[in-house]
């Protein structure tokens, strides 16, 4: 494995190898930020959700970042992570992601919310399917169909 010397895009301090959530990352001891190589953000997400739960866009409201990639020195792209109020920065050449101090924990929280939301959706769909399978009536669509057939609920 080759050693690389990366500098913090926030303050220029040398990044040091470290571990965060059992992922080998490059960390700034001065500002607390961390560089996650391109595939390492998915590894961070996988600490909370499986592959199916992680599907979907992660970058919303993209805009130019003030930061430069520590690998290629090109301007990065800032974005709202998974449409939440969490701004991350990504290298446009797909070298990786810059997470400021504490943002890795927020990524896990957002993924946790996503997983819980998906579970609620599956549960609600299951309950709906069960009610429909037992001849259950009374849903909005059933009521509308009855109205248009002249047999609305009374």
Protein backbone atom coordinates (compact mmCIF):
# COMPACT_ATOMS: atom_id res chain seq x y z
CA UNK A 1 0.00 0.00 0.00
CA UNK A 2 1.40 3.37 -0.96
CA UNK A 3 1.68 6.12 1.57
CA UNK A 4 0.15 9.42 0.58
CA UNK A 5 0.44 12.82 2.16
CA UNK A 6 -2.82 14.71 2.16
CA UNK A 7 -3.57 18.14 3.59
CA UNK A 8 -6.82 19.26 5.18
CA UNK A 9 -8.97 21.24 2.73
CA UNK A 10 -10.22 23.42 5.62
CA UNK A 11 -7.00 24.50 7.32
CA UNK A 12 -4.08 22.99 5.39
CA UNK A 13 -2.89 20.78 8.28
CA UNK A 14 -1.46 17.38 7.40
CA UNK A 15 -4.07 14.61 7.53
CA UNK A 16 -3.20 11.62 9.66
CA UNK A 17 -4.34 8.04 9.15
CA UNK A 18 -6.87 6.94 11.70
CA UNK A 19 -9.98 4.87 12.20
CA UNK A 20 -13.52 6.07 12.54
CA UNK A 21 -16.38 3.56 12.82
CA UNK A 22 -13.80 0.86 11.96
CA UNK A 23 -13.05 2.61 8.64
CA UNK A 24 -9.52 3.71 7.84
CA UNK A 25 -9.76 7.42 7.07
CA UNK A 26 -7.49 10.47 6.86
CA UNK A 27 -8.24 12.79 9.78
CA UNK A 28 -7.30 16.37 10.57
CA UNK A 29 -6.20 16.68 14.19
CA UNK A 30 -6.67 20.44 14.02
CA UNK A 31 -10.32 20.79 12.85
CA UNK A 32 -11.57 17.22 13.40
CA UNK A 33 -12.66 16.72 9.79
CA UNK A 34 -12.03 13.52 7.88
CA UNK A 35 -11.39 12.45 4.31
CA UNK A 36 -13.36 9.39 3.23
CA UNK A 37 -12.13 7.82 0.00
CA UNK A 38 -14.90 7.37 -2.57
CA UNK A 39 -16.03 3.89 -1.47
CA UNK A 40 -15.63 4.62 2.25
CA UNK A 41 -18.79 6.74 2.50
CA UNK A 42 -20.78 3.65 1.43
CA UNK A 43 -18.93 1.66 4.10
CA UNK A 44 -19.94 4.30 6.68
CA UNK A 45 -23.56 4.05 5.53
CA UNK A 46 -23.40 0.25 5.75
CA UNK A 47 -22.79 0.53 9.51
CA UNK A 48 -26.50 1.43 9.69
CA UNK A 49 -28.27 0.11 6.57
CA UNK A 50 -27.94 -2.75 4.12
CA UNK A 51 -27.42 -2.35 0.37
CA UNK A 52 -31.13 -2.06 -0.45
CA UNK A 53 -31.65 0.59 2.24
CA UNK A 54 -28.73 2.63 0.89
CA UNK A 55 -30.02 2.82 -2.68
CA UNK A 56 -30.98 6.19 -4.06
CA UNK A 57 -29.44 9.58 -4.61
CA UNK A 58 -27.21 10.99 -1.93
CA UNK A 59 -26.42 14.38 -3.48
CA UNK A 60 -29.15 17.01 -3.59
CA UNK A 61 -28.86 20.77 -4.16
CA UNK A 62 -25.36 20.50 -5.62
CA UNK A 63 -23.21 23.61 -5.74
CA UNK A 64 -19.55 24.54 -5.98
CA UNK A 65 -17.64 24.11 -2.75
CA UNK A 66 -15.04 26.47 -1.33
CA UNK A 67 -12.88 23.40 -0.62
CA UNK A 68 -10.36 21.72 -2.87
CA UNK A 69 -9.90 17.96 -3.06
CA UNK A 70 -6.90 16.86 -0.98
CA UNK A 71 -6.04 14.26 -3.65
CA UNK A 72 -6.26 16.21 -6.95
CA UNK A 73 -6.62 19.84 -5.71
CA UNK A 74 -9.66 20.49 -7.93
CA UNK A 75 -12.64 22.40 -6.55
CA UNK A 76 -15.07 20.05 -4.87
CA UNK A 77 -18.86 20.00 -5.06
CA UNK A 78 -20.94 20.68 -1.95
CA UNK A 79 -24.32 19.00 -1.61
CA UNK A 80 -27.10 18.27 0.84
CA UNK A 81 -26.67 14.66 1.89
CA UNK A 82 -29.80 12.62 1.08
CA UNK A 83 -31.87 15.84 0.97
CA UNK A 84 -31.20 16.56 4.66
CA UNK A 85 -29.71 19.68 6.17
CA UNK A 86 -26.26 18.09 6.14
CA UNK A 87 -23.74 19.60 3.75
CA UNK A 88 -20.94 17.32 2.59
CA UNK A 89 -18.23 18.01 0.03
CA UNK A 90 -17.29 15.59 -2.76
CA UNK A 91 -14.46 15.48 -5.25
CA UNK A 92 -15.81 15.92 -8.78
CA UNK A 93 -13.22 13.36 -9.91
CA UNK A 94 -14.70 10.84 -7.42
CA UNK A 95 -11.66 10.67 -5.15
CA UNK A 96 -13.77 10.96 -2.02
CA UNK A 97 -15.76 13.01 0.45
CA UNK A 98 -14.82 15.58 3.07
CA UNK A 99 -16.80 15.33 6.31
CA UNK A 100 -16.33 18.05 8.90
CA UNK A 101 -16.04 17.06 12.56
CA UNK A 102 -19.18 15.26 13.72
CA UNK A 103 -20.64 14.80 10.25
CA UNK A 104 -19.91 11.06 10.14
CA UNK A 105 -22.24 10.65 13.13
CA UNK A 106 -24.87 12.72 11.31
CA UNK A 107 -24.51 10.47 8.24
CA UNK A 108 -25.27 7.49 10.48
CA UNK A 109 -28.26 9.30 12.02
CA UNK A 110 -29.67 10.16 8.58
CA UNK A 111 -29.22 6.54 7.46
CA UNK A 112 -30.91 5.36 10.67
CA UNK A 113 -33.88 7.63 9.93
CA UNK A 114 -33.98 6.29 6.38
CA UNK A 115 -33.95 2.66 7.56
CA UNK A 116 -36.74 3.34 10.08
CA UNK A 117 -38.80 5.12 7.42
CA UNK A 118 -38.41 2.20 5.03
CA UNK A 119 -39.44 -0.24 7.77
CA UNK A 120 -42.55 1.84 8.53
CA UNK A 121 -43.39 1.90 4.83
CA UNK A 122 -43.05 -1.87 4.51
CA UNK A 123 -45.13 -2.39 7.64
CA UNK A 124 -47.88 -0.05 6.40
CA UNK A 125 -47.91 -1.76 3.00
CA UNK A 126 -48.17 -5.16 4.71
CA UNK A 127 -51.09 -3.99 6.83
CA UNK A 128 -52.80 -2.56 3.76
CA UNK A 129 -52.27 -5.77 1.78
CA UNK A 130 -53.61 -7.82 4.70
CA UNK A 131 -56.72 -5.66 5.01
CA UNK A 132 -57.34 -5.90 1.26
CA UNK A 133 -56.79 -9.67 1.32
CA UNK A 134 -59.47 -10.07 3.99
CA UNK A 135 -61.98 -8.19 1.89
CA UNK A 136 -61.34 -5.05 3.85
CA UNK A 137 -63.06 -2.01 2.44
CA UNK A 138 -63.02 1.53 3.53
CA UNK A 139 -59.87 2.88 1.97
CA UNK A 140 -59.96 6.20 0.15
CA UNK A 141 -59.95 4.53 -3.25
CA UNK A 142 -62.78 2.15 -2.25
CA UNK A 143 -64.87 5.12 -1.13
CA UNK A 144 -64.21 7.00 -4.38
CA UNK A 145 -65.04 3.96 -6.50
CA UNK A 146 -68.33 3.59 -4.60
CA UNK A 147 -69.21 7.22 -5.18
CA UNK A 148 -68.66 6.98 -8.91
CA UNK A 149 -70.70 3.79 -9.09
CA UNK A 150 -73.52 5.43 -7.17
CA UNK A 151 -72.98 3.25 -4.13
CA UNK A 152 -71.16 5.58 -1.76
CA UNK A 153 -70.86 4.67 1.89
CA UNK A 154 -73.59 5.89 4.16
